[in-house]
N, C-alpha and C. Protein backbone atom coordinates (compact mmCIF):
# COMPACT_ATOMS: atom_id res chain seq x y z
N MET A 1 83.91 137.53 84.94
CA MET A 1 83.88 137.12 86.21
C MET A 1 83.88 135.34 86.10
N SER A 2 84.70 134.50 86.43
CA SER A 2 84.87 133.48 86.66
C SER A 2 83.80 132.40 87.25
N THR A 3 83.40 131.78 87.49
CA THR A 3 82.49 130.96 88.63
C THR A 3 83.41 130.22 89.46
N ASN A 4 83.62 130.18 90.48
CA ASN A 4 84.31 128.59 90.98
C ASN A 4 84.56 127.36 90.57
N SER A 5 83.61 126.91 89.49
CA SER A 5 84.04 126.15 89.15
C SER A 5 85.70 125.74 88.04
N ASP A 6 85.49 127.46 87.48
CA ASP A 6 86.49 127.66 86.65
C ASP A 6 87.93 127.99 87.08
N ILE A 7 87.65 127.51 88.16
CA ILE A 7 88.91 127.98 89.38
C ILE A 7 90.07 126.68 89.20
N SER A 8 91.46 126.92 89.04
CA SER A 8 91.90 125.98 89.78
C SER A 8 93.32 126.92 90.52
N PRO A 9 93.39 126.75 91.68
CA PRO A 9 94.42 127.31 92.36
C PRO A 9 95.61 126.99 92.64
N ARG A 10 96.30 127.99 92.35
CA ARG A 10 97.88 127.57 92.89
C ARG A 10 97.54 126.25 94.67
N VAL A 11 98.11 125.55 95.10
CA VAL A 11 98.43 124.96 95.80
C VAL A 11 99.42 124.02 96.76
N ASN A 12 99.87 123.98 98.32
CA ASN A 12 100.69 122.67 98.55
C ASN A 12 100.12 122.01 99.13
N SER A 13 100.76 121.54 99.91
CA SER A 13 100.38 119.90 100.72
C SER A 13 99.38 120.46 101.38
N ALA A 14 99.43 121.11 102.48
CA ALA A 14 98.59 121.61 103.87
C ALA A 14 97.35 122.27 103.01
N HIS A 15 97.16 123.07 101.58
CA HIS A 15 95.80 123.65 101.31
C HIS A 15 95.42 122.09 100.09
N MET A 16 95.75 120.60 99.92
CA MET A 16 94.55 120.25 99.53
C MET A 16 93.92 119.56 100.18
N GLN A 17 93.55 119.58 101.56
CA GLN A 17 91.91 119.15 101.73
C GLN A 17 91.47 119.85 101.36
N ARG A 18 91.39 121.16 101.18
CA ARG A 18 90.41 121.88 101.24
C ARG A 18 89.64 121.61 99.75
N PHE A 19 90.39 121.19 99.16
CA PHE A 19 90.07 121.15 97.52
C PHE A 19 89.78 120.10 96.72
N ILE A 20 89.32 119.03 98.27
CA ILE A 20 89.26 117.39 97.69
C ILE A 20 88.27 117.68 96.40
N GLY A 21 87.88 116.60 94.85
CA GLY A 21 86.66 117.15 94.21
C GLY A 21 87.15 117.82 93.55
N LYS A 22 87.44 118.68 93.49
CA LYS A 22 88.15 120.15 93.01
C LYS A 22 89.55 119.94 91.74
N THR A 23 89.56 121.16 91.18
CA THR A 23 90.81 121.10 89.93
C THR A 23 91.83 122.27 90.61
N VAL A 24 93.36 121.70 91.10
CA VAL A 24 94.08 122.51 91.49
C VAL A 24 95.38 122.55 90.72
N ARG A 25 95.94 123.70 90.87
CA ARG A 25 97.42 123.82 90.26
C ARG A 25 99.10 123.01 91.21
N LEU A 26 99.26 122.10 91.19
CA LEU A 26 100.28 121.71 91.98
C LEU A 26 101.48 122.08 91.78
N PRO A 27 102.61 123.27 92.14
CA PRO A 27 103.78 123.68 91.74
C PRO A 27 104.37 122.62 92.77
N CYS A 28 106.03 121.66 91.81
CA CYS A 28 106.32 120.71 93.11
C CYS A 28 107.63 120.22 91.67
N LYS A 29 108.23 118.98 93.01
CA LYS A 29 110.12 119.12 92.58
C LYS A 29 109.75 117.63 92.29
N ILE A 30 109.97 116.91 90.93
CA ILE A 30 109.40 115.45 91.06
C ILE A 30 110.35 114.77 92.16
N LYS A 31 109.89 113.81 93.19
CA LYS A 31 110.80 113.11 93.99
C LYS A 31 111.15 112.25 92.77
N THR A 32 110.33 110.66 93.01
CA THR A 32 110.46 109.55 92.11
C THR A 32 109.24 109.28 91.44
N VAL A 33 109.66 108.65 89.95
CA VAL A 33 108.78 108.59 88.93
C VAL A 33 108.05 106.32 88.72
N SER A 34 106.72 106.27 89.41
CA SER A 34 107.42 104.89 89.38
C SER A 34 105.65 104.10 88.91
N LEU A 35 105.88 104.44 87.04
CA LEU A 35 104.17 104.42 86.32
C LEU A 35 103.41 103.49 86.69
N PRO A 36 102.18 104.13 87.49
CA PRO A 36 101.14 105.34 86.73
C PRO A 36 101.38 106.67 87.69
N PHE A 37 102.50 106.33 89.02
CA PHE A 37 102.56 107.61 89.83
C PHE A 37 103.54 108.05 89.97
N ALA A 38 103.62 109.20 90.34
CA ALA A 38 105.08 110.01 90.61
C ALA A 38 104.80 110.46 92.03
N THR A 39 105.54 110.27 92.81
CA THR A 39 105.68 111.45 94.28
C THR A 39 106.69 112.14 94.23
N VAL A 40 106.04 113.93 94.65
CA VAL A 40 106.66 114.61 94.38
C VAL A 40 107.08 115.96 95.52
N THR A 41 107.51 116.68 95.85
CA THR A 41 107.80 117.31 96.84
C THR A 41 107.14 118.90 97.13
N THR A 42 106.15 118.88 97.38
CA THR A 42 105.31 120.17 97.00
C THR A 42 106.12 122.02 97.69
N SER A 43 105.78 123.11 97.87
CA SER A 43 106.37 123.97 97.72
C SER A 43 107.12 124.11 99.18
N ASP A 44 105.72 123.43 99.82
CA ASP A 44 105.57 123.90 101.74
C ASP A 44 106.64 122.22 102.11
N ASP A 45 107.62 121.54 100.94
CA ASP A 45 108.17 120.72 101.67
C ASP A 45 107.79 119.52 101.77
N GLY A 46 105.90 119.11 101.48
CA GLY A 46 105.43 118.22 101.79
C GLY A 46 105.51 116.71 100.53
N GLU A 47 104.99 116.32 100.50
CA GLU A 47 104.59 114.82 99.45
C GLU A 47 103.28 114.55 99.05
N VAL A 48 103.00 114.42 97.78
CA VAL A 48 101.94 114.08 97.38
C VAL A 48 102.54 113.33 96.27
N VAL A 49 101.16 112.35 96.04
CA VAL A 49 101.46 111.53 94.91
C VAL A 49 100.20 111.59 93.32
N VAL A 50 101.13 111.59 92.65
CA VAL A 50 100.66 111.91 91.68
C VAL A 50 99.99 111.43 90.79
N HIS A 51 99.02 111.50 90.03
CA HIS A 51 98.86 109.94 89.18
C HIS A 51 98.49 110.19 88.17
N LEU A 52 99.53 109.60 87.11
CA LEU A 52 99.32 110.34 85.82
C LEU A 52 98.50 110.16 85.17
N ILE A 53 98.27 110.54 83.72
CA ILE A 53 97.99 109.87 82.93
C ILE A 53 98.28 108.59 82.24
N PRO A 54 97.88 107.95 81.25
CA PRO A 54 98.66 107.16 80.42
C PRO A 54 99.45 107.17 79.95
N ASN A 55 100.43 106.50 79.82
CA ASN A 55 101.92 107.05 78.89
C ASN A 55 102.47 108.09 79.13
N MET A 56 102.70 109.20 80.49
CA MET A 56 102.88 109.73 80.53
C MET A 56 104.80 109.71 80.99
N GLU A 57 105.38 110.35 80.05
CA GLU A 57 106.88 110.43 80.58
C GLU A 57 107.15 112.34 81.26
N ILE A 58 107.91 112.32 82.07
CA ILE A 58 108.42 113.08 82.92
C ILE A 58 109.28 113.48 82.59
N THR A 59 109.76 114.59 82.47
CA THR A 59 111.13 115.08 81.70
C THR A 59 111.58 115.79 82.21
N THR A 60 111.40 116.37 83.30
CA THR A 60 111.66 117.42 83.83
C THR A 60 111.42 117.71 85.65
N THR A 61 112.67 118.40 86.31
CA THR A 61 112.71 117.73 87.59
C THR A 61 111.38 118.55 88.15
N TYR A 62 111.56 120.90 87.77
CA TYR A 62 110.23 121.10 88.59
C TYR A 62 109.05 121.30 87.48
N ALA A 63 108.03 121.41 87.74
CA ALA A 63 106.73 120.48 87.25
C ALA A 63 105.60 121.29 88.01
N GLU A 64 104.57 121.87 87.42
CA GLU A 64 103.15 122.14 87.80
C GLU A 64 101.69 121.44 87.32
N PHE A 65 101.54 120.03 88.61
CA PHE A 65 100.77 119.99 87.97
C PHE A 65 99.08 120.06 88.04
N ILE A 66 98.65 120.13 87.12
CA ILE A 66 96.64 120.33 86.80
C ILE A 66 95.94 118.91 87.39
N GLY A 67 95.52 119.56 87.84
CA GLY A 67 94.73 117.93 88.14
C GLY A 67 93.21 118.37 89.37
N THR A 68 93.12 116.94 89.52
CA THR A 68 91.89 116.92 90.63
C THR A 68 92.23 116.51 91.82
N VAL A 69 92.12 117.18 92.56
CA VAL A 69 92.75 116.15 94.50
C VAL A 69 91.29 115.24 94.84
N VAL A 70 92.49 113.77 95.02
CA VAL A 70 91.35 113.02 95.03
C VAL A 70 91.63 112.67 96.80
N ASP A 71 92.82 112.83 97.03
CA ASP A 71 92.14 113.14 99.04
C ASP A 71 94.40 114.28 99.09
N ALA A 72 93.66 113.95 100.90
CA ALA A 72 95.04 115.50 101.68
C ALA A 72 96.03 114.88 100.19
N GLY A 73 96.38 113.68 100.02
CA GLY A 73 97.43 113.85 100.04
C GLY A 73 97.96 112.94 98.20
N THR A 74 96.97 112.93 97.66
CA THR A 74 96.25 112.48 96.52
C THR A 74 96.00 113.11 95.02
N LEU A 75 96.77 113.40 94.03
CA LEU A 75 95.74 114.07 92.67
C LEU A 75 95.49 113.34 91.78
N LYS A 76 94.98 113.53 90.93
CA LYS A 76 95.14 112.84 90.13
C LYS A 76 94.59 113.97 88.13
N MET A 77 96.27 113.59 88.12
CA MET A 77 97.09 114.52 87.13
C MET A 77 96.00 114.79 85.70
N MET A 78 95.58 116.10 85.22
CA MET A 78 94.74 115.87 83.90
C MET A 78 96.19 116.63 82.55
N ALA A 79 96.51 117.20 83.45
CA ALA A 79 98.03 118.54 82.96
C ALA A 79 99.27 118.44 83.71
N VAL A 80 100.33 118.65 82.50
CA VAL A 80 101.75 119.35 83.15
C VAL A 80 102.15 120.44 82.70
N VAL A 81 102.88 121.21 83.46
CA VAL A 81 103.29 122.22 82.50
C VAL A 81 105.26 121.99 83.16
N GLY A 82 106.14 121.88 82.36
CA GLY A 82 107.31 121.75 82.95
C GLY A 82 107.50 122.66 82.89
N MET A 83 108.50 122.72 84.67
CA MET A 83 109.36 124.17 84.95
C MET A 83 110.83 124.35 84.90
N GLY A 84 110.86 123.18 83.85
CA GLY A 84 112.62 123.43 84.08
C GLY A 84 113.77 122.46 85.24
N GLU A 85 114.77 122.78 85.22
CA GLU A 85 115.49 121.81 86.00
C GLU A 85 116.26 123.35 87.23
N ASP A 86 115.60 124.21 87.31
CA ASP A 86 116.37 125.10 87.86
C ASP A 86 115.87 126.14 88.71
N LEU A 87 114.29 125.96 88.82
CA LEU A 87 114.01 126.43 90.03
C LEU A 87 114.51 125.97 91.62
N VAL A 88 114.80 126.56 91.75
CA VAL A 88 116.13 126.07 92.53
C VAL A 88 114.98 126.28 94.23
N ASP A 89 114.26 128.20 94.07
CA ASP A 89 113.81 128.19 95.17
C ASP A 89 112.15 127.91 95.90
N LEU A 90 112.26 126.70 95.88
CA LEU A 90 110.53 126.24 96.19
C LEU A 90 110.23 127.02 97.25
N SER A 91 110.69 127.51 97.75
CA SER A 91 110.29 128.45 99.15
C SER A 91 109.22 129.96 99.42
N LEU A 92 110.35 130.70 97.89
CA LEU A 92 109.84 131.88 97.53
C LEU A 92 108.42 131.03 96.63
N VAL A 93 107.81 130.17 96.30
CA VAL A 93 106.78 129.36 95.53
C VAL A 93 105.28 129.11 96.27
N ASN A 94 105.82 128.80 97.68
CA ASN A 94 105.53 128.88 98.24
C ASN A 94 104.90 130.00 99.14
N LYS A 95 105.51 130.63 99.26
CA LYS A 95 105.13 131.72 99.47
C LYS A 95 104.01 133.06 98.64
N VAL A 96 103.86 132.42 97.73
CA VAL A 96 103.04 132.97 96.51
C VAL A 96 102.17 132.15 96.86
N VAL A 97 102.09 130.63 97.04
CA VAL A 97 100.55 130.05 97.34
C VAL A 97 100.05 131.16 98.95
N GLU A 98 101.15 131.01 99.72
CA GLU A 98 100.31 131.60 100.96
C GLU A 98 99.62 132.28 100.89
N VAL A 99 99.98 133.61 100.52
CA VAL A 99 99.37 134.49 99.97
C VAL A 99 98.40 134.82 99.14
N ILE A 100 98.48 133.75 98.15
CA ILE A 100 97.25 133.15 97.16
C ILE A 100 95.73 132.81 97.86
N HIS A 101 96.23 132.23 99.12
CA HIS A 101 95.63 131.75 100.56
C HIS A 101 94.76 132.20 101.77
N ASP A 102 95.46 133.77 101.32
CA ASP A 102 95.33 134.17 102.83
C ASP A 102 93.52 134.52 102.63
N LYS A 103 93.27 134.92 103.84
CA LYS A 103 91.69 135.08 103.48
C LYS A 103 92.07 136.89 102.93
N ARG A 104 92.53 137.39 103.80
CA ARG A 104 92.57 139.08 102.97
C ARG A 104 92.22 138.95 101.82
N PHE A 105 93.07 138.09 100.95
CA PHE A 105 93.18 138.07 98.98
C PHE A 105 92.64 137.36 98.45
N TYR A 106 91.90 136.16 99.14
CA TYR A 106 92.05 135.06 98.41
C TYR A 106 90.39 134.96 97.42
N GLU A 107 89.13 135.84 98.01
CA GLU A 107 87.61 136.64 97.50
C GLU A 107 87.97 137.24 96.61
N ARG A 108 89.27 138.73 96.59
CA ARG A 108 89.30 139.21 96.04
C ARG A 108 89.74 138.65 94.74
N ILE A 109 90.92 137.94 94.44
CA ILE A 109 91.25 137.17 93.35
C ILE A 109 90.61 136.15 93.06
N PHE A 110 89.95 134.92 93.28
CA PHE A 110 88.46 134.47 92.80
C PHE A 110 87.36 134.25 93.02
N SER A 111 87.11 135.72 93.33
CA SER A 111 85.81 135.84 92.88
C SER A 111 85.40 137.35 91.61
């Protein structure tokens, strides 16, 4: 079993406040990049600013950032997983995020 420090749950903008100082995974659509920051649209149609690692080049429209939540609207990037150009249904991704955080399942998944 993992400890809480090993967990990096997927989140949307609505869940970021609960994870300040914690590592999360943020599936999103890249909106703009102005180094060293990227503005992204999250699966719940929120907006988050991602503080990119130095010399980071974003080469895909959709991505999942792994990083530390700084505040409710900011993520400090540790890594990124490119998800291609054709992930058109972020609402489906959001449904998965919401199921993960549903009280009926959260403890079963992360304990």
